[in-house]
Amino acid sequence: MFKDLESLRQTCLQCTECGLSDRRLNVVFGEGNPHSPLVLVGEGPGDQEDKSGRPFVGRSGQMLDRALADNGLSRDDVYICNTVKCRAADWSTGKPQNRPPTPEEVTTCRQWLIPQLGLIKPRVILCIGAPSAKNLIKKDFKITKERGQFFPSEFAPEAMAALHPSYIMRQQRPDNDGGYHLLVEDIGKAWKRCHS
């Protein structure tokens, strides 16, 4: 249906198929190297991403950039996107609070994610966090038990999951990196698998 990523992006930017479009500032389509063998897929944009239109640019994004750099990589080496392209937030108090996207919002947004992955044709998909893994690997994915393992995927030869930077930040203590070393390790493992 879409001949290239740019035509898919232009159509996606106009999407009004679910309620998330009502209050978004920007559709966060994705960015990076569209020819990369590795695609990182998170759950959805937050406040900073909604403002900038770019994935993973807040504190989580800074940690992800550092973990990429610790593997000698940058955003130019991989492609980064999310399962939903608009920010999911609860506006009931007047001040938006991030919330998980609903199953309906995730399903609606697959019309963009699936062709996006189909056009990029990655060798490995690295799901960043459990929601992405539940969407792209299996519904009952257990992130703490199954991260770092390769699974068959209908969207790439293999898929794997890593801990989400926001989860890592919540776990960090002065004497504990919260699992940051596991994120670095999993990115390295996925990248290596792309080239084996």
C-alpha atoms as a PDB file:
ATOM      1  CA  MET A   1       0.000   0.000   0.000  1.00  0.00           C
ATOM      2  CA  PHE A   2       2.809   2.442   0.877  1.00  0.00           C
ATOM      3  CA  LYS A   3       5.772   2.538  -1.477  1.00  0.00           C
ATOM      4  CA  ASP A   4       8.203   4.059   1.030  1.00  0.00           C
ATOM      5  CA  LEU A   5       8.613   5.198   4.617  1.00  0.00           C
ATOM      6  CA  GLU A   6       8.096   8.867   3.773  1.00  0.00           C
ATOM      7  CA  SER A   7       4.684   8.318   2.168  1.00  0.00           C
ATOM      8  CA  LEU A   8       3.684   6.204   5.195  1.00  0.00           C
ATOM      9  CA  ARG A   9       4.919   8.966   7.531  1.00  0.00           C
ATOM     10  CA  GLN A  10       3.024  11.709   5.685  1.00  0.00           C
ATOM     11  CA  THR A  11      -0.214   9.707   5.914  1.00  0.00           C
ATOM     12  CA  CYS A  12       0.394   8.813   9.573  1.00  0.00           C
ATOM     13  CA  LEU A  13       0.881  12.505  10.465  1.00  0.00           C
ATOM     14  CA  GLN A  14      -2.757  13.121   9.453  1.00  0.00           C
ATOM     15  CA  CYS A  15      -4.209  10.246  11.510  1.00  0.00           C
ATOM     16  CA  THR A  16      -7.366  10.948  13.546  1.00  0.00           C
ATOM     17  CA  GLU A  17      -8.481   7.311  14.019  1.00  0.00           C
ATOM     18  CA  CYS A  18      -8.457   7.341  17.832  1.00  0.00           C
ATOM     19  CA  GLY A  19      -8.934   9.839  20.637  1.00  0.00           C
ATOM     20  CA  LEU A  20      -5.194  10.348  21.148  1.00  0.00           C
ATOM     21  CA  SER A  21      -5.243  12.644  18.115  1.00  0.00           C
ATOM     22  CA  ASP A  22      -7.513  15.119  19.947  1.00  0.00           C
ATOM     23  CA  ARG A  23      -4.836  16.538  22.248  1.00  0.00           C
ATOM     24  CA  ARG A  24      -1.534  15.570  20.659  1.00  0.00           C
ATOM     25  CA  LEU A  25       0.929  18.248  19.645  1.00  0.00           C
ATOM     26  CA  ASN A  26       2.843  15.983  17.278  1.00  0.00           C
ATOM     27  CA  VAL A  27       2.627  12.509  15.802  1.00  0.00           C
ATOM     28  CA  VAL A  28       5.888  10.772  16.791  1.00  0.00           C
ATOM     29  CA  PHE A  29       6.459   8.571  13.769  1.00  0.00           C
ATOM     30  CA  GLY A  30      10.056   7.440  14.332  1.00  0.00           C
ATOM     31  CA  GLU A  31      13.588   8.324  13.304  1.00  0.00           C
ATOM     32  CA  GLY A  32      17.015   6.957  12.576  1.00  0.00           C
ATOM     33  CA  ASN A  33      18.487   4.824   9.841  1.00  0.00           C
ATOM     34  CA  PRO A  34      15.665   3.301   7.746  1.00  0.00           C
ATOM     35  CA  HIS A  35      18.159   0.758   6.344  1.00  0.00           C
ATOM     36  CA  SER A  36      19.316  -0.419   9.774  1.00  0.00           C
ATOM     37  CA  PRO A  37      19.113  -4.134  10.602  1.00  0.00           C
ATOM     38  CA  LEU A  38      18.032  -3.144  14.148  1.00  0.00           C
ATOM     39  CA  VAL A  39      14.781  -1.385  15.076  1.00  0.00           C
ATOM     40  CA  LEU A  40      14.107  -0.328  18.676  1.00  0.00           C
ATOM     41  CA  VAL A  41      10.390  -0.152  19.516  1.00  0.00           C
ATOM     42  CA  GLY A  42       9.132   1.521  22.696  1.00  0.00           C
ATOM     43  CA  GLU A  43       5.577   1.877  23.996  1.00  0.00           C
ATOM     44  CA  GLY A  44       4.622   5.439  23.137  1.00  0.00           C
ATOM     45  CA  PRO A  45       5.652   9.076  23.316  1.00  0.00           C
ATOM     46  CA  GLY A  46       5.619  11.093  26.529  1.00  0.00           C
ATOM     47  CA  ASP A  47       5.504  14.837  27.109  1.00  0.00           C
ATOM     48  CA  GLN A  48       8.918  15.709  25.613  1.00  0.00           C
ATOM     49  CA  GLU A  49       8.331  13.461  22.612  1.00  0.00           C
ATOM     50  CA  ASP A  50       4.887  14.964  22.001  1.00  0.00           C
ATOM     51  CA  LYS A  51       6.423  18.448  22.056  1.00  0.00           C
ATOM     52  CA  SER A  52       9.337  17.602  19.752  1.00  0.00           C
ATOM     53  CA  GLY A  53       7.798  14.968  17.473  1.00  0.00           C
ATOM     54  CA  ARG A  54      10.832  12.724  18.139  1.00  0.00           C
ATOM     55  CA  PRO A  55      10.953   9.378  19.977  1.00  0.00           C
ATOM     56  CA  PHE A  56      12.889   8.931  23.223  1.00  0.00           C
ATOM     57  CA  VAL A  57      14.094  12.491  23.824  1.00  0.00           C
ATOM     58  CA  GLY A  58      13.293  12.903  27.530  1.00  0.00           C
ATOM     59  CA  ARG A  59      15.265  11.397  30.418  1.00  0.00           C
ATOM     60  CA  SER A  60      14.570   7.878  29.134  1.00  0.00           C
ATOM     61  CA  GLY A  61      15.884   8.891  25.744  1.00  0.00           C
ATOM     62  CA  GLN A  62      19.076  10.297  27.231  1.00  0.00           C
ATOM     63  CA  MET A  63      19.681   6.975  28.967  1.00  0.00           C
ATOM     64  CA  LEU A  64      18.939   5.094  25.747  1.00  0.00           C
ATOM     65  CA  ASP A  65      21.406   7.304  23.855  1.00  0.00           C
ATOM     66  CA  ARG A  66      24.043   6.566  26.524  1.00  0.00           C
ATOM     67  CA  ALA A  67      23.405   2.812  26.280  1.00  0.00           C
ATOM     68  CA  LEU A  68      23.749   3.017  22.483  1.00  0.00           C
ATOM     69  CA  ALA A  69      26.980   5.013  22.870  1.00  0.00           C
ATOM     70  CA  ASP A  70      28.328   2.403  25.320  1.00  0.00           C
ATOM     71  CA  ASN A  71      28.027  -0.025  22.392  1.00  0.00           C
ATOM     72  CA  GLY A  72      29.734   2.364  19.984  1.00  0.00           C
ATOM     73  CA  LEU A  73      26.380   3.181  18.365  1.00  0.00           C
ATOM     74  CA  SER A  74      24.211   6.246  17.860  1.00  0.00           C
ATOM     75  CA  ARG A  75      20.711   6.967  16.585  1.00  0.00           C
ATOM     76  CA  ASP A  76      22.188   7.082  13.087  1.00  0.00           C
ATOM     77  CA  ASP A  77      22.951   3.347  13.323  1.00  0.00           C
ATOM     78  CA  VAL A  78      19.481   2.148  14.378  1.00  0.00           C
ATOM     79  CA  TYR A  79      15.853   3.046  13.800  1.00  0.00           C
ATOM     80  CA  ILE A  80      13.703   4.058  16.806  1.00  0.00           C
ATOM     81  CA  CYS A  81       9.914   4.143  16.977  1.00  0.00           C
ATOM     82  CA  ASN A  82       6.980   3.307  19.268  1.00  0.00           C
ATOM     83  CA  THR A  83       3.969   1.012  19.174  1.00  0.00           C
ATOM     84  CA  VAL A  84       1.682   4.053  19.384  1.00  0.00           C
ATOM     85  CA  LYS A  85       2.541   7.290  17.636  1.00  0.00           C
ATOM     86  CA  CYS A  86       0.657   9.779  19.843  1.00  0.00           C
ATOM     87  CA  ARG A  87       0.968  10.531  23.547  1.00  0.00           C
ATOM     88  CA  ALA A  88      -1.462   8.699  25.816  1.00  0.00           C
ATOM     89  CA  ALA A  89      -2.283  10.928  28.781  1.00  0.00           C
ATOM     90  CA  ASP A  90      -4.934  11.272  31.446  1.00  0.00           C
ATOM     91  CA  TRP A  91      -6.286  14.835  31.405  1.00  0.00           C
ATOM     92  CA  SER A  92      -8.838  14.388  34.223  1.00  0.00           C
ATOM     93  CA  THR A  93      -6.964  16.663  36.645  1.00  0.00           C
ATOM     94  CA  GLY A  94      -6.341  19.328  34.004  1.00  0.00           C
ATOM     95  CA  LYS A  95      -2.613  18.539  34.029  1.00  0.00           C
ATOM     96  CA  PRO A  96      -1.790  15.649  31.698  1.00  0.00           C
ATOM     97  CA  GLN A  97      -0.288  12.530  33.274  1.00  0.00           C
ATOM     98  CA  ASN A  98       1.212   9.860  31.022  1.00  0.00           C
ATOM     99  CA  ARG A  99      -0.768   6.623  31.002  1.00  0.00           C
ATOM    100  CA  PRO A 100      -0.420   3.328  29.155  1.00  0.00           C
ATOM    101  CA  PRO A 101      -2.232   3.322  25.814  1.00  0.00           C
ATOM    102  CA  THR A 102      -5.426   1.256  25.810  1.00  0.00           C
ATOM    103  CA  PRO A 103      -5.562  -2.040  23.867  1.00  0.00           C
ATOM    104  CA  GLU A 104      -7.828  -0.274  21.350  1.00  0.00           C
ATOM    105  CA  GLU A 105      -5.305   2.551  20.859  1.00  0.00           C
ATOM    106  CA  VAL A 106      -2.493   0.023  20.390  1.00  0.00           C
ATOM    107  CA  THR A 107      -4.566  -1.975  17.884  1.00  0.00           C
ATOM    108  CA  THR A 108      -5.528   1.156  15.936  1.00  0.00           C
ATOM    109  CA  CYS A 109      -1.904   2.250  15.701  1.00  0.00           C
ATOM    110  CA  ARG A 110      -0.758  -1.110  14.309  1.00  0.00           C
ATOM    111  CA  GLN A 111      -1.904   0.213  10.905  1.00  0.00           C
ATOM    112  CA  TRP A 112       1.224   2.428  11.065  1.00  0.00           C
ATOM    113  CA  LEU A 113       3.650   0.235  13.016  1.00  0.00           C
ATOM    114  CA  ILE A 114       3.271  -2.939  10.933  1.00  0.00           C
ATOM    115  CA  PRO A 115       3.864  -1.294   7.527  1.00  0.00           C
ATOM    116  CA  GLN A 116       6.685   0.747   9.107  1.00  0.00           C
ATOM    117  CA  LEU A 117       8.465  -2.464  10.157  1.00  0.00           C
ATOM    118  CA  GLY A 118       7.597  -4.015   6.787  1.00  0.00           C
ATOM    119  CA  LEU A 119       9.289  -1.185   4.895  1.00  0.00           C
ATOM    120  CA  ILE A 120      12.399  -1.146   7.122  1.00  0.00           C
ATOM    121  CA  LYS A 121      12.724  -4.959   7.127  1.00  0.00           C
ATOM    122  CA  PRO A 122      14.926  -5.213  10.249  1.00  0.00           C
ATOM    123  CA  ARG A 123      16.946  -8.321  11.031  1.00  0.00           C
ATOM    124  CA  VAL A 124      16.157  -7.877  14.760  1.00  0.00           C
ATOM    125  CA  ILE A 125      13.462  -5.919  16.598  1.00  0.00           C
ATOM    126  CA  LEU A 126      14.496  -4.823  20.091  1.00  0.00           C
ATOM    127  CA  CYS A 127      11.393  -4.117  22.189  1.00  0.00           C
ATOM    128  CA  ILE A 128      12.137  -1.468  24.804  1.00  0.00           C
ATOM    129  CA  GLY A 129       9.988  -2.436  27.780  1.00  0.00           C
ATOM    130  CA  ALA A 130       7.246  -4.988  28.446  1.00  0.00           C
ATOM    131  CA  PRO A 131       4.326  -3.299  26.609  1.00  0.00           C
ATOM    132  CA  SER A 132       6.227  -3.331  23.322  1.00  0.00           C
ATOM    133  CA  ALA A 133       7.263  -6.963  23.890  1.00  0.00           C
ATOM    134  CA  LYS A 134       3.640  -7.922  24.635  1.00  0.00           C
ATOM    135  CA  ASN A 135       2.604  -6.243  21.392  1.00  0.00           C
ATOM    136  CA  LEU A 136       5.313  -7.658  19.125  1.00  0.00           C
ATOM    137  CA  ILE A 137       6.590 -10.892  20.744  1.00  0.00           C
ATOM    138  CA  LYS A 138       3.788 -12.503  22.808  1.00  0.00           C
ATOM    139  CA  LYS A 139       0.902 -11.303  24.941  1.00  0.00           C
ATOM    140  CA  ASP A 140       2.138 -12.885  28.178  1.00  0.00           C
ATOM    141  CA  PHE A 141       5.755 -11.671  27.875  1.00  0.00           C
ATOM    142  CA  LYS A 142       7.570 -11.475  31.243  1.00  0.00           C
ATOM    143  CA  ILE A 143      10.171  -8.729  30.923  1.00  0.00           C
ATOM    144  CA  THR A 144      12.270  -9.557  33.990  1.00  0.00           C
ATOM    145  CA  LYS A 145      12.431 -13.266  33.095  1.00  0.00           C
ATOM    146  CA  GLU A 146      12.541 -13.155  29.285  1.00  0.00           C
ATOM    147  CA  ARG A 147      14.523 -10.027  28.437  1.00  0.00           C
ATOM    148  CA  GLY A 148      17.718 -10.727  26.519  1.00  0.00           C
ATOM    149  CA  GLN A 149      16.297 -13.849  24.836  1.00  0.00           C
ATOM    150  CA  PHE A 150      15.593 -14.106  21.115  1.00  0.00           C
ATOM    151  CA  PHE A 151      12.111 -15.033  19.911  1.00  0.00           C
ATOM    152  CA  PRO A 152      10.724 -15.612  16.424  1.00  0.00           C
ATOM    153  CA  SER A 153       8.617 -12.709  15.210  1.00  0.00           C
ATOM    154  CA  GLU A 154       6.194 -12.206  12.361  1.00  0.00           C
ATOM    155  CA  PHE A 155       7.729  -8.760  11.785  1.00  0.00           C
ATOM    156  CA  ALA A 156      11.445  -9.677  11.680  1.00  0.00           C
ATOM    157  CA  PRO A 157      13.507 -12.875  11.734  1.00  0.00           C
ATOM    158  CA  GLU A 158      13.979 -12.360  15.480  1.00  0.00           C
ATOM    159  CA  ALA A 159      12.808 -10.109  18.274  1.00  0.00           C
ATOM    160  CA  MET A 160      14.137  -9.510  21.752  1.00  0.00           C
ATOM    161  CA  ALA A 161      13.223  -7.256  24.677  1.00  0.00           C
ATOM    162  CA  ALA A 162      15.241  -5.018  26.982  1.00  0.00           C
ATOM    163  CA  LEU A 163      14.335  -3.167  30.164  1.00  0.00           C
ATOM    164  CA  HIS A 164      12.847   0.272  29.602  1.00  0.00           C
ATOM    165  CA  PRO A 165      15.057   3.174  30.729  1.00  0.00           C
ATOM    166  CA  SER A 166      12.211   4.604  32.858  1.00  0.00           C
ATOM    167  CA  TYR A 167      12.004   1.281  34.745  1.00  0.00           C
ATOM    168  CA  ILE A 168      15.788   1.317  35.223  1.00  0.00           C
ATOM    169  CA  MET A 169      15.690   4.879  36.583  1.00  0.00           C
ATOM    170  CA  ARG A 170      13.047   3.878  39.132  1.00  0.00           C
ATOM    171  CA  GLN A 171      15.232   0.973  40.326  1.00  0.00           C
ATOM    172  CA  GLN A 172      18.511   2.901  40.567  1.00  0.00           C
ATOM    173  CA  ARG A 173      20.162   3.380  43.949  1.00  0.00           C
ATOM    174  CA  PRO A 174      23.626   4.702  44.872  1.00  0.00           C
ATOM    175  CA  ASP A 175      24.896   1.098  45.020  1.00  0.00           C
ATOM    176  CA  ASN A 176      22.802  -0.271  42.127  1.00  0.00           C
ATOM    177  CA  ASP A 177      22.616   0.758  38.461  1.00  0.00           C
ATOM    178  CA  GLY A 178      18.979  -0.418  38.328  1.00  0.00           C
ATOM    179  CA  GLY A 179      19.673  -2.741  35.416  1.00  0.00           C
ATOM    180  CA  TYR A 180      21.405  -0.209  33.161  1.00  0.00           C
ATOM    181  CA  HIS A 181      24.183  -2.740  32.444  1.00  0.00           C
ATOM    182  CA  LEU A 182      21.489  -5.147  31.210  1.00  0.00           C
ATOM    183  CA  LEU A 183      20.176  -2.526  28.764  1.00  0.00           C
ATOM    184  CA  VAL A 184      23.700  -1.991  27.430  1.00  0.00           C
ATOM    185  CA  GLU A 185      24.225  -5.752  27.209  1.00  0.00           C
ATOM    186  CA  ASP A 186      20.913  -6.354  25.394  1.00  0.00           C
ATOM    187  CA  ILE A 187      21.511  -3.615  22.822  1.00  0.00           C
ATOM    188  CA  GLY A 188      24.962  -5.093  22.181  1.00  0.00           C
ATOM    189  CA  LYS A 189      23.551  -8.611  21.883  1.00  0.00           C
ATOM    190  CA  ALA A 190      20.832  -7.496  19.432  1.00  0.00           C
ATOM    191  CA  TRP A 191      23.322  -5.533  17.324  1.00  0.00           C
ATOM    192  CA  LYS A 192      25.726  -8.469  17.224  1.00  0.00           C
ATOM    193  CA  ARG A 193      22.892 -10.800  16.176  1.00  0.00           C
ATOM    194  CA  CYS A 194      22.086  -8.462  13.282  1.00  0.00           C
ATOM    195  CA  HIS A 195      25.581  -9.047  11.931  1.00  0.00           C
ATOM    196  CA  SER A 196      26.027 -12.763  12.646  1.00  0.00           C
END
